[in-house]
C-alpha atoms as a PDB file:
ATOM      1  CA  MET A   1      12.297  66.646 -77.930  1.00  0.00           C
ATOM      2  CA  ASN A   2      13.162  68.812 -75.280  1.00  0.00           C
ATOM      3  CA  ARG A   3      10.803  71.850 -74.414  1.00  0.00           C
ATOM      4  CA  MET A   4      13.359  74.635 -74.766  1.00  0.00           C
ATOM      5  CA  LEU A   5      14.544  73.064 -78.186  1.00  0.00           C
ATOM      6  CA  ARG A   6      10.787  73.070 -79.598  1.00  0.00           C
ATOM      7  CA  TRP A   7      10.381  76.654 -78.205  1.00  0.00           C
ATOM      8  CA  GLY A   8      13.509  77.879 -79.689  1.00  0.00           C
ATOM      9  CA  LEU A   9      12.651  76.188 -83.147  1.00  0.00           C
ATOM     10  CA  ALA A  10       9.011  77.466 -83.052  1.00  0.00           C
ATOM     11  CA  LEU A  11      10.689  81.116 -82.587  1.00  0.00           C
ATOM     12  CA  VAL A  12      13.141  80.830 -85.348  1.00  0.00           C
ATOM     13  CA  VAL A  13      10.440  79.331 -87.832  1.00  0.00           C
ATOM     14  CA  GLY A  14       7.900  82.124 -86.426  1.00  0.00           C
ATOM     15  CA  ALA A  15      10.754  84.969 -87.175  1.00  0.00           C
ATOM     16  CA  GLY A  16      11.585  83.336 -90.307  1.00  0.00           C
ATOM     17  CA  LEU A  17       7.919  83.566 -91.666  1.00  0.00           C
ATOM     18  CA  LEU A  18       7.506  87.177 -90.313  1.00  0.00           C
ATOM     19  CA  ILE A  19      10.690  88.234 -92.157  1.00  0.00           C
ATOM     20  CA  GLY A  20       9.659  86.459 -95.260  1.00  0.00           C
ATOM     21  CA  ALA A  21       6.325  88.372 -95.230  1.00  0.00           C
ATOM     22  CA  LEU A  22       7.708  91.651 -94.664  1.00  0.00           C
ATOM     23  CA  LEU A  23      10.231  91.139 -97.585  1.00  0.00           C
ATOM     24  CA  LEU A  24       7.497  89.971 -99.804  1.00  0.00           C
ATOM     25  CA  LEU A  25       4.419  91.979 -99.052  1.00  0.00           C
ATOM     26  CA  PRO A  26       3.919  95.563-100.632  1.00  0.00           C
ATOM     27  CA  VAL A  27       3.800  97.307 -97.421  1.00  0.00           C
ATOM     28  CA  SER A  28       3.907 100.837 -98.929  1.00  0.00           C
ATOM     29  CA  THR A  29       0.315 100.407-100.108  1.00  0.00           C
ATOM     30  CA  TRP A  30      -0.952 100.141 -96.692  1.00  0.00           C
ATOM     31  CA  LEU A  31       0.877 103.399 -95.416  1.00  0.00           C
ATOM     32  CA  PRO A  32      -0.803 106.574 -95.221  1.00  0.00           C
ATOM     33  CA  GLY A  33      -0.510 108.893 -98.243  1.00  0.00           C
ATOM     34  CA  GLY A  34      -0.048 106.055-100.630  1.00  0.00           C
ATOM     35  CA  THR A  35      -2.253 105.858-104.057  1.00  0.00           C
ATOM     36  CA  VAL A  36      -5.351 106.263-105.651  1.00  0.00           C
ATOM     37  CA  GLY A  37      -6.120 104.139-108.384  1.00  0.00           C
ATOM     38  CA  ASP A  38      -2.122 103.543-108.722  1.00  0.00           C
ATOM     39  CA  VAL A  39      -1.612 107.444-108.834  1.00  0.00           C
ATOM     40  CA  PRO A  40       0.084 109.050-106.110  1.00  0.00           C
ATOM     41  CA  THR A  41      -2.146 110.926-103.831  1.00  0.00           C
ATOM     42  CA  ALA A  42      -0.093 114.096-104.547  1.00  0.00           C
ATOM     43  CA  GLN A  43      -1.321 114.192-108.314  1.00  0.00           C
ATOM     44  CA  VAL A  44      -5.055 113.947-107.285  1.00  0.00           C
ATOM     45  CA  VAL A  45      -7.347 116.522-106.262  1.00  0.00           C
ATOM     46  CA  ASN A  46      -8.999 115.933-102.770  1.00  0.00           C
ATOM     47  CA  GLY A  47     -12.796 115.379-103.164  1.00  0.00           C
ATOM     48  CA  SER A  48     -13.632 118.208-100.468  1.00  0.00           C
ATOM     49  CA  ALA A  49     -12.260 120.873-102.827  1.00  0.00           C
ATOM     50  CA  PHE A  50     -15.190 119.679-105.096  1.00  0.00           C
ATOM     51  CA  ASN A  51     -18.028 120.207-102.851  1.00  0.00           C
ATOM     52  CA  ARG A  52     -18.165 123.991-102.992  1.00  0.00           C
ATOM     53  CA  LEU A  53     -18.521 123.577-106.841  1.00  0.00           C
ATOM     54  CA  PHE A  54     -21.826 121.594-106.637  1.00  0.00           C
ATOM     55  CA  PRO A  55     -24.981 123.353-107.684  1.00  0.00           C
ATOM     56  CA  THR A  56     -27.033 125.215-104.949  1.00  0.00           C
ATOM     57  CA  PRO A  57     -30.419 123.612-104.214  1.00  0.00           C
ATOM     58  CA  GLY A  58     -33.284 125.437-105.534  1.00  0.00           C
ATOM     59  CA  PRO A  59     -36.626 126.136-103.275  1.00  0.00           C
ATOM     60  CA  GLY A  60     -37.916 122.677-102.027  1.00  0.00           C
ATOM     61  CA  GLU A  61     -34.562 120.965-102.734  1.00  0.00           C
ATOM     62  CA  GLN A  62     -31.785 119.146-100.971  1.00  0.00           C
ATOM     63  CA  LEU A  63     -28.243 118.283-101.711  1.00  0.00           C
ATOM     64  CA  VAL A  64     -26.885 115.979 -99.474  1.00  0.00           C
ATOM     65  CA  PHE A  65     -23.422 114.587 -99.765  1.00  0.00           C
ATOM     66  CA  THR A  66     -23.280 110.906 -99.986  1.00  0.00           C
ATOM     67  CA  GLN A  67     -19.453 110.250-100.603  1.00  0.00           C
ATOM     68  CA  GLU A  68     -16.166 111.909-100.629  1.00  0.00           C
ATOM     69  CA  LYS A  69     -12.677 110.608-100.887  1.00  0.00           C
ATOM     70  CA  ARG A  70      -9.475 111.659-102.747  1.00  0.00           C
ATOM     71  CA  GLY A  71     -10.476 112.585-106.443  1.00  0.00           C
ATOM     72  CA  PHE A  72     -14.237 111.998-105.763  1.00  0.00           C
ATOM     73  CA  SER A  73     -17.116 113.900-104.288  1.00  0.00           C
ATOM     74  CA  GLN A  74     -20.907 112.800-104.807  1.00  0.00           C
ATOM     75  CA  ALA A  75     -24.224 114.376-103.527  1.00  0.00           C
ATOM     76  CA  ARG A  76     -27.929 113.180-103.963  1.00  0.00           C
ATOM     77  CA  LEU A  77     -30.406 115.827-105.067  1.00  0.00           C
ATOM     78  CA  SER A  78     -33.978 115.437-103.538  1.00  0.00           C
ATOM     79  CA  HIS A  79     -37.169 117.389-103.677  1.00  0.00           C
ATOM     80  CA  GLY A  80     -39.688 116.792-101.268  1.00  0.00           C
ATOM     81  CA  GLY A  81     -38.094 113.614 -99.884  1.00  0.00           C
ATOM     82  CA  GLN A  82     -37.944 112.241-103.584  1.00  0.00           C
ATOM     83  CA  ALA A  83     -34.630 111.626-104.972  1.00  0.00           C
ATOM     84  CA  LEU A  84     -34.101 113.638-108.378  1.00  0.00           C
ATOM     85  CA  ALA A  85     -30.461 112.842-109.304  1.00  0.00           C
ATOM     86  CA  LEU A  86     -27.115 111.756-108.109  1.00  0.00           C
ATOM     87  CA  LEU A  87     -24.482 114.401-108.991  1.00  0.00           C
ATOM     88  CA  ALA A  88     -20.699 113.541-109.024  1.00  0.00           C
ATOM     89  CA  ILE A  89     -17.415 115.163-109.820  1.00  0.00           C
ATOM     90  CA  SER A  90     -14.207 112.920-110.136  1.00  0.00           C
ATOM     91  CA  ASP A  91     -10.530 113.618-110.780  1.00  0.00           C
ATOM     92  CA  THR A  92      -9.749 111.534-113.942  1.00  0.00           C
ATOM     93  CA  ALA A  93      -6.267 111.261-113.099  1.00  0.00           C
ATOM     94  CA  THR A  94      -7.277 108.320-110.868  1.00  0.00           C
ATOM     95  CA  ALA A  95      -9.090 106.638-114.085  1.00  0.00           C
ATOM     96  CA  PRO A  96      -7.710 108.008-117.172  1.00  0.00           C
ATOM     97  CA  GLU A  97      -9.650 105.739-119.074  1.00  0.00           C
ATOM     98  CA  ALA A  98     -12.765 107.701-117.923  1.00  0.00           C
ATOM     99  CA  ARG A  99     -11.855 110.293-120.349  1.00  0.00           C
ATOM    100  CA  ASP A 100     -11.794 107.974-123.518  1.00  0.00           C
ATOM    101  CA  LYS A 101     -15.456 108.278-123.961  1.00  0.00           C
ATOM    102  CA  PHE A 102     -15.192 112.052-124.620  1.00  0.00           C
ATOM    103  CA  LEU A 103     -12.767 111.622-127.251  1.00  0.00           C
ATOM    104  CA  ASP A 104     -15.180 111.707-130.010  1.00  0.00           C
ATOM    105  CA  SER A 105     -17.815 113.766-128.414  1.00  0.00           C
ATOM    106  CA  ARG A 106     -19.354 116.321-131.031  1.00  0.00           C
ATOM    107  CA  ASP A 107     -21.675 117.881-128.238  1.00  0.00           C
ATOM    108  CA  ARG A 108     -20.575 120.514-125.958  1.00  0.00           C
ATOM    109  CA  LEU A 109     -21.848 122.243-122.969  1.00  0.00           C
ATOM    110  CA  ARG A 110     -20.197 125.542-122.357  1.00  0.00           C
ATOM    111  CA  GLY A 111     -17.236 124.366-124.447  1.00  0.00           C
ATOM    112  CA  TRP A 112     -16.601 121.274-122.827  1.00  0.00           C
ATOM    113  CA  PRO A 113     -17.164 117.730-124.316  1.00  0.00           C
ATOM    114  CA  LEU A 114     -20.513 116.159-123.392  1.00  0.00           C
ATOM    115  CA  VAL A 115     -21.515 112.669-123.552  1.00  0.00           C
ATOM    116  CA  GLU A 116     -24.898 110.836-122.871  1.00  0.00           C
ATOM    117  CA  GLN A 117     -24.658 107.585-120.968  1.00  0.00           C
ATOM    118  CA  GLY A 118     -27.744 105.841-121.481  1.00  0.00           C
ATOM    119  CA  SER A 119     -30.837 107.199-121.067  1.00  0.00           C
ATOM    120  CA  GLN A 120     -30.302 108.608-117.427  1.00  0.00           C
ATOM    121  CA  ALA A 121     -27.035 110.124-117.343  1.00  0.00           C
ATOM    122  CA  SER A 122     -25.325 112.863-118.743  1.00  0.00           C
ATOM    123  CA  ALA A 123     -21.375 113.746-118.097  1.00  0.00           C
ATOM    124  CA  VAL A 124     -18.928 116.567-119.431  1.00  0.00           C
ATOM    125  CA  LEU A 125     -15.371 116.640-119.107  1.00  0.00           C
ATOM    126  CA  VAL A 126     -13.668 119.745-117.770  1.00  0.00           C
ATOM    127  CA  ALA A 127     -10.162 120.931-118.250  1.00  0.00           C
ATOM    128  CA  GLU A 128      -9.371 117.886-119.865  1.00  0.00           C
ATOM    129  CA  ARG A 129      -9.318 116.132-116.295  1.00  0.00           C
ATOM    130  CA  PHE A 130     -12.639 116.509-114.318  1.00  0.00           C
ATOM    131  CA  GLN A 131     -15.799 114.546-114.950  1.00  0.00           C
ATOM    132  CA  VAL A 132     -18.986 116.034-114.090  1.00  0.00           C
ATOM    133  CA  LYS A 133     -21.782 113.641-113.992  1.00  0.00           C
ATOM    134  CA  VAL A 134     -25.656 113.739-113.444  1.00  0.00           C
ATOM    135  CA  ILE A 135     -27.580 110.299-113.220  1.00  0.00           C
ATOM    136  CA  GLY A 136     -31.340 110.786-112.946  1.00  0.00           C
ATOM    137  CA  GLN A 137     -33.073 109.005-110.163  1.00  0.00           C
ATOM    138  CA  ASN A 138     -36.280 107.201-109.943  1.00  0.00           C
ATOM    139  CA  GLU A 139     -38.680 108.649-112.560  1.00  0.00           C
ATOM    140  CA  GLY A 140     -35.470 110.309-113.737  1.00  0.00           C
ATOM    141  CA  LEU A 141     -34.628 113.494-115.488  1.00  0.00           C
ATOM    142  CA  ASP A 142     -35.096 114.307-119.125  1.00  0.00           C
ATOM    143  CA  THR A 143     -31.845 115.114-121.229  1.00  0.00           C
ATOM    144  CA  THR A 144     -32.672 119.081-120.827  1.00  0.00           C
ATOM    145  CA  GLN A 145     -32.853 118.769-117.110  1.00  0.00           C
ATOM    146  CA  ARG A 146     -29.589 117.007-116.783  1.00  0.00           C
ATOM    147  CA  HIS A 147     -27.899 119.352-118.810  1.00  0.00           C
ATOM    148  CA  GLU A 148     -29.345 122.344-116.678  1.00  0.00           C
ATOM    149  CA  LEU A 149     -28.138 120.594-113.781  1.00  0.00           C
ATOM    150  CA  LEU A 150     -24.583 120.285-115.077  1.00  0.00           C
ATOM    151  CA  GLU A 151     -24.437 123.981-116.049  1.00  0.00           C
ATOM    152  CA  ALA A 152     -25.479 124.843-112.458  1.00  0.00           C
ATOM    153  CA  PHE A 153     -22.050 123.244-111.303  1.00  0.00           C
ATOM    154  CA  ASP A 154     -19.412 125.891-110.951  1.00  0.00           C
ATOM    155  CA  LEU A 155     -17.528 124.525-114.063  1.00  0.00           C
ATOM    156  CA  PRO A 156     -15.505 127.463-114.503  1.00  0.00           C
ATOM    157  CA  GLY A 157     -14.414 127.178-110.995  1.00  0.00           C
ATOM    158  CA  LEU A 158     -13.766 123.384-111.256  1.00  0.00           C
ATOM    159  CA  ALA A 159     -11.378 124.057-114.494  1.00  0.00           C
ATOM    160  CA  SER A 160      -9.516 126.505-112.357  1.00  0.00           C
ATOM    161  CA  LEU A 161      -8.805 124.391-109.488  1.00  0.00           C
ATOM    162  CA  PRO A 162      -5.137 124.321-108.672  1.00  0.00           C
ATOM    163  CA  GLN A 163      -4.379 120.876-110.027  1.00  0.00           C
ATOM    164  CA  PRO A 164      -1.390 119.035-108.372  1.00  0.00           C
ATOM    165  CA  ARG A 165       1.625 117.848-110.118  1.00  0.00           C
ATOM    166  CA  GLN A 166       0.787 115.508-113.175  1.00  0.00           C
ATOM    167  CA  SER A 167       2.916 112.819-114.300  1.00  0.00           C
ATOM    168  CA  PRO A 168       3.542 113.382-118.484  1.00  0.00           C
ATOM    169  CA  ALA A 169       0.851 110.352-118.935  1.00  0.00           C
ATOM    170  CA  LEU A 170      -1.977 112.427-117.468  1.00  0.00           C
ATOM    171  CA  ALA A 171      -0.746 115.706-119.122  1.00  0.00           C
ATOM    172  CA  PRO A 172      -3.954 117.166-121.052  1.00  0.00           C
ATOM    173  CA  SER A 173      -3.772 116.889-125.077  1.00  0.00           C
ATOM    174  CA  ARG A 174      -6.662 118.932-126.068  1.00  0.00           C
ATOM    175  CA  GLN A 175      -8.256 122.176-125.118  1.00  0.00           C
ATOM    176  CA  PRO A 176     -12.264 122.739-124.966  1.00  0.00           C
ATOM    177  CA  ALA A 177     -13.664 124.607-128.195  1.00  0.00           C
END
């Protein structure tokens, strides 16, 4: 086979594969401003908006933010170098099933539904959208201490955050008691 013919054939095959890949692959998920958990980013609160709503550390305590992304912010609370708790705020627009655990909650914290998740975690759902969670670390925290930490968050500030456009499927259906 002639050298020019081989190169030509290789270029045609390569171009065909490239064009086929571009047509068949969902390139839009690679582009900036894509989605978070299949929810357009325009409908999710940026995690940096949550940071100012975390509790102010007490004397000897330190609050270190460990993760921040669209729809989520997390910090570790420690005292004297010992981790006390993991604190988090998440926008349930990215995971609507996270709201389901609050549906049958009879417990309330400042009027918002409260659930216990095992022996080390407590969570509250604010404004039918934002989950605030405290997870005890090491020796853990008792239920009262976790609830005090939840109350130390700026829950009214969280409830009043400007919420991005919501699709009808994300619209809240209940109000706190």
